[in-house]
């Protein structure tokens, strides 16, 4: 199972989808955004949202990969746990 590649691809796909989804939302629900400079602002916001979404998902993938690698690794040394005094 290659989680690193899977999460990387998922983050790119969702990051690319988020920008156009915001753009479509503005087009459908706020027709006034299609006037002159407002159109460019919406386009800029779509790009920023796409980038921020990609960075967030990339960081999440890195964190999850780090955690999973830690779970898969062998322990460095065996730790002797104290015995339970109640068990005698």
N, C-alpha and C. Protein backbone atom coordinates (compact mmCIF):
# COMPACT_ATOMS: atom_id res chain seq x y z
N UNK A 1 0.85 -1.17 0.00
CA UNK A 1 0.00 0.00 0.00
C UNK A 1 0.90 1.24 0.00
N UNK A 2 0.77 2.06 -0.99
CA UNK A 2 1.60 3.25 -1.14
C UNK A 2 0.79 4.48 -0.77
N UNK A 3 0.74 4.77 0.53
CA UNK A 3 -0.08 5.89 1.01
C UNK A 3 0.49 7.24 0.59
N UNK A 4 1.80 7.36 0.58
CA UNK A 4 2.42 8.64 0.24
C UNK A 4 1.99 9.08 -1.17
N UNK A 5 2.09 8.17 -2.11
CA UNK A 5 1.69 8.50 -3.48
C UNK A 5 0.18 8.72 -3.57
N UNK A 6 -0.57 7.92 -2.85
CA UNK A 6 -2.02 8.07 -2.86
C UNK A 6 -2.47 9.41 -2.31
N UNK A 7 -1.92 9.81 -1.17
CA UNK A 7 -2.29 11.10 -0.58
C UNK A 7 -1.80 12.26 -1.43
N UNK A 8 -0.64 12.12 -2.04
CA UNK A 8 -0.13 13.19 -2.90
C UNK A 8 -1.08 13.40 -4.08
N UNK A 9 -1.48 12.31 -4.68
CA UNK A 9 -2.39 12.42 -5.82
C UNK A 9 -3.75 12.95 -5.40
N UNK A 10 -4.24 12.49 -4.26
CA UNK A 10 -5.52 12.98 -3.77
C UNK A 10 -5.47 14.47 -3.48
N UNK A 11 -4.37 14.93 -2.87
CA UNK A 11 -4.26 16.36 -2.55
C UNK A 11 -4.21 17.21 -3.81
N UNK A 12 -3.54 16.74 -4.84
CA UNK A 12 -3.48 17.49 -6.10
C UNK A 12 -4.87 17.55 -6.73
N UNK A 13 -5.56 16.42 -6.74
CA UNK A 13 -6.88 16.38 -7.36
C UNK A 13 -7.86 17.30 -6.63
N UNK A 14 -7.90 17.22 -5.32
CA UNK A 14 -8.84 18.05 -4.56
C UNK A 14 -8.44 19.52 -4.64
N UNK A 15 -7.14 19.81 -4.62
CA UNK A 15 -6.69 21.19 -4.75
C UNK A 15 -7.06 21.79 -6.09
N UNK A 16 -7.01 21.00 -7.12
CA UNK A 16 -7.37 21.49 -8.45
C UNK A 16 -8.88 21.67 -8.56
N UNK A 17 -9.64 20.82 -7.89
CA UNK A 17 -11.10 20.92 -7.95
C UNK A 17 -11.63 22.09 -7.12
N UNK A 18 -10.97 22.42 -6.01
CA UNK A 18 -11.50 23.45 -5.10
C UNK A 18 -11.60 24.82 -5.76
N UNK A 19 -10.60 25.21 -6.54
CA UNK A 19 -10.63 26.52 -7.19
C UNK A 19 -11.79 26.67 -8.16
N UNK A 20 -11.91 25.79 -9.14
CA UNK A 20 -13.04 25.89 -10.06
C UNK A 20 -14.40 25.73 -9.38
N UNK A 21 -14.46 24.97 -8.29
CA UNK A 21 -15.72 24.83 -7.57
C UNK A 21 -16.13 26.17 -6.97
N UNK A 22 -15.17 26.90 -6.40
CA UNK A 22 -15.46 28.24 -5.87
C UNK A 22 -15.88 29.19 -6.99
N UNK A 23 -15.19 29.09 -8.10
CA UNK A 23 -15.50 29.93 -9.26
C UNK A 23 -16.93 29.66 -9.75
N UNK A 24 -17.29 28.40 -9.83
CA UNK A 24 -18.64 28.03 -10.26
C UNK A 24 -19.68 28.51 -9.25
N UNK A 25 -19.38 28.38 -7.97
CA UNK A 25 -20.29 28.87 -6.94
C UNK A 25 -20.54 30.37 -7.10
N UNK A 26 -19.47 31.14 -7.33
CA UNK A 26 -19.62 32.58 -7.52
C UNK A 26 -20.45 32.87 -8.77
N UNK A 27 -20.23 32.11 -9.80
CA UNK A 27 -20.97 32.33 -11.05
C UNK A 27 -22.46 32.06 -10.88
N UNK A 28 -22.79 30.98 -10.17
CA UNK A 28 -24.19 30.59 -10.04
C UNK A 28 -24.96 31.41 -9.02
N UNK A 29 -24.31 31.78 -7.92
CA UNK A 29 -25.04 32.41 -6.82
C UNK A 29 -24.74 33.89 -6.63
N UNK A 30 -23.79 34.44 -7.36
CA UNK A 30 -23.49 35.87 -7.24
C UNK A 30 -23.19 36.44 -8.63
N UNK A 31 -24.23 36.67 -9.43
CA UNK A 31 -24.01 37.16 -10.80
C UNK A 31 -23.32 38.52 -10.85
N UNK A 32 -23.39 39.30 -9.78
CA UNK A 32 -22.73 40.61 -9.79
C UNK A 32 -21.21 40.47 -9.83
N UNK A 33 -20.69 39.28 -9.52
CA UNK A 33 -19.24 39.10 -9.52
C UNK A 33 -18.67 39.06 -10.93
N UNK A 34 -19.52 39.07 -11.94
CA UNK A 34 -19.04 39.02 -13.31
C UNK A 34 -18.82 40.41 -13.91
N UNK A 35 -18.82 41.45 -13.08
CA UNK A 35 -18.59 42.80 -13.58
C UNK A 35 -17.11 43.14 -13.46
N UNK A 36 -16.48 43.47 -14.52
CA UNK A 36 -15.13 44.01 -14.58
C UNK A 36 -14.13 43.43 -13.60
N UNK A 37 -13.69 44.26 -12.67
CA UNK A 37 -12.63 43.89 -11.73
C UNK A 37 -13.10 42.80 -10.77
N UNK A 38 -14.39 42.75 -10.49
CA UNK A 38 -14.89 41.70 -9.60
C UNK A 38 -14.60 40.32 -10.17
N UNK A 39 -14.65 40.19 -11.47
CA UNK A 39 -14.34 38.92 -12.12
C UNK A 39 -12.90 38.50 -11.80
N UNK A 40 -11.98 39.47 -11.84
CA UNK A 40 -10.58 39.16 -11.54
C UNK A 40 -10.39 38.80 -10.07
N UNK A 41 -11.14 39.45 -9.20
CA UNK A 41 -11.05 39.12 -7.77
C UNK A 41 -11.52 37.69 -7.53
N UNK A 42 -12.61 37.30 -8.17
CA UNK A 42 -13.11 35.93 -8.03
C UNK A 42 -12.09 34.94 -8.58
N UNK A 43 -11.49 35.27 -9.69
CA UNK A 43 -10.46 34.40 -10.27
C UNK A 43 -9.27 34.27 -9.33
N UNK A 44 -8.85 35.38 -8.72
CA UNK A 44 -7.74 35.34 -7.76
C UNK A 44 -8.12 34.50 -6.54
N UNK A 45 -9.32 34.70 -6.02
CA UNK A 45 -9.76 33.91 -4.88
C UNK A 45 -9.81 32.42 -5.21
N UNK A 46 -10.23 32.08 -6.40
CA UNK A 46 -10.27 30.68 -6.81
C UNK A 46 -8.87 30.08 -6.81
N UNK A 47 -7.90 30.83 -7.29
CA UNK A 47 -6.52 30.35 -7.31
C UNK A 47 -5.97 30.20 -5.90
N UNK A 48 -6.24 31.17 -5.04
CA UNK A 48 -5.74 31.11 -3.67
C UNK A 48 -6.37 29.95 -2.91
N UNK A 49 -7.67 29.77 -3.07
CA UNK A 49 -8.34 28.67 -2.38
C UNK A 49 -7.80 27.33 -2.87
N UNK A 50 -7.55 27.21 -4.15
CA UNK A 50 -6.98 25.98 -4.69
C UNK A 50 -5.61 25.71 -4.10
N UNK A 51 -4.78 26.73 -4.01
CA UNK A 51 -3.43 26.56 -3.47
C UNK A 51 -3.45 26.23 -1.98
N UNK A 52 -4.26 26.94 -1.22
CA UNK A 52 -4.34 26.69 0.23
C UNK A 52 -4.87 25.29 0.50
N UNK A 53 -5.84 24.85 -0.26
CA UNK A 53 -6.36 23.50 -0.11
C UNK A 53 -5.28 22.47 -0.40
N UNK A 54 -4.51 22.70 -1.44
CA UNK A 54 -3.43 21.77 -1.78
C UNK A 54 -2.39 21.72 -0.68
N UNK A 55 -1.99 22.87 -0.14
CA UNK A 55 -0.98 22.90 0.93
C UNK A 55 -1.50 22.18 2.18
N UNK A 56 -2.75 22.42 2.53
CA UNK A 56 -3.33 21.77 3.70
C UNK A 56 -3.34 20.25 3.54
N UNK A 57 -3.78 19.77 2.39
CA UNK A 57 -3.82 18.33 2.16
C UNK A 57 -2.43 17.72 2.06
N UNK A 58 -1.49 18.46 1.49
CA UNK A 58 -0.10 17.98 1.42
C UNK A 58 0.48 17.83 2.82
N UNK A 59 0.25 18.82 3.68
CA UNK A 59 0.75 18.75 5.05
C UNK A 59 0.09 17.61 5.82
N UNK A 60 -1.19 17.40 5.59
CA UNK A 60 -1.89 16.29 6.24
C UNK A 60 -1.32 14.96 5.78
N UNK A 61 -1.04 14.84 4.50
CA UNK A 61 -0.45 13.60 3.98
C UNK A 61 0.93 13.36 4.58
N UNK A 62 1.74 14.42 4.71
CA UNK A 62 3.06 14.27 5.32
C UNK A 62 2.93 13.82 6.77
N UNK A 63 2.01 14.42 7.49
CA UNK A 63 1.83 14.07 8.90
C UNK A 63 1.37 12.62 9.04
N UNK A 64 0.40 12.22 8.24
CA UNK A 64 -0.09 10.84 8.31
C UNK A 64 0.98 9.84 7.91
N UNK A 65 1.77 10.18 6.91
CA UNK A 65 2.86 9.30 6.50
C UNK A 65 3.87 9.13 7.61
N UNK A 66 4.20 10.24 8.27
CA UNK A 66 5.16 10.21 9.37
C UNK A 66 4.64 9.33 10.50
N UNK A 67 3.36 9.48 10.82
CA UNK A 67 2.76 8.67 11.89
C UNK A 67 2.76 7.20 11.50
N UNK A 68 2.36 6.89 10.28
CA UNK A 68 2.32 5.49 9.85
C UNK A 68 3.70 4.87 9.79
N UNK A 69 4.71 5.64 9.37
CA UNK A 69 6.08 5.11 9.37
C UNK A 69 6.53 4.82 10.79
N UNK A 70 6.12 5.68 11.72
CA UNK A 70 6.45 5.43 13.12
C UNK A 70 5.77 4.19 13.66
N UNK A 71 4.55 3.95 13.22
CA UNK A 71 3.84 2.76 13.67
C UNK A 71 4.43 1.49 13.08
N UNK A 72 4.96 1.58 11.88
CA UNK A 72 5.52 0.40 11.21
C UNK A 72 6.94 0.08 11.67
N UNK A 73 7.65 1.07 12.22
CA UNK A 73 9.05 0.85 12.59
C UNK A 73 9.15 -0.03 13.84
N UNK A 74 10.29 -0.66 13.96
CA UNK A 74 10.56 -1.50 15.12
C UNK A 74 10.94 -0.61 16.29
N UNK A 75 10.59 -1.00 17.50
CA UNK A 75 11.00 -0.20 18.66
C UNK A 75 12.52 -0.22 18.81
N UNK A 76 13.07 0.89 19.29
CA UNK A 76 14.53 1.00 19.44
C UNK A 76 15.06 0.07 20.52
N UNK A 77 14.40 0.02 21.61
CA UNK A 77 14.84 -0.83 22.71
C UNK A 77 13.62 -1.30 23.48
N UNK A 78 13.79 -2.44 24.09
CA UNK A 78 12.70 -2.94 24.90
C UNK A 78 12.71 -2.20 26.23
N UNK A 79 11.56 -1.79 26.64
CA UNK A 79 11.44 -1.08 27.91
C UNK A 79 10.87 -2.05 28.93
N UNK A 80 11.58 -2.18 30.04
CA UNK A 80 11.08 -3.05 31.11
C UNK A 80 10.08 -2.26 31.94
N UNK A 81 8.85 -2.68 31.86
CA UNK A 81 7.82 -2.03 32.64
C UNK A 81 7.81 -2.62 34.04
N UNK A 82 7.60 -1.77 35.03
CA UNK A 82 7.56 -2.31 36.40
C UNK A 82 6.37 -3.24 36.54
N UNK A 83 6.57 -4.27 37.35
CA UNK A 83 5.47 -5.22 37.53
C UNK A 83 4.41 -4.60 38.43
N UNK A 84 3.23 -5.09 38.29
CA UNK A 84 2.11 -4.59 39.06
C UNK A 84 2.25 -5.08 40.50
N UNK A 85 2.32 -4.16 41.48
CA UNK A 85 2.51 -4.59 42.87
C UNK A 85 1.33 -5.42 43.40
N UNK A 86 0.18 -5.27 42.80
CA UNK A 86 -0.98 -6.02 43.26
C UNK A 86 -0.90 -7.49 42.86
N UNK A 87 -0.15 -7.78 41.79
CA UNK A 87 -0.09 -9.17 41.31
C UNK A 87 0.87 -10.00 42.14
N UNK A 88 1.70 -9.37 42.96
CA UNK A 88 2.55 -10.09 43.89
C UNK A 88 3.85 -10.41 43.30
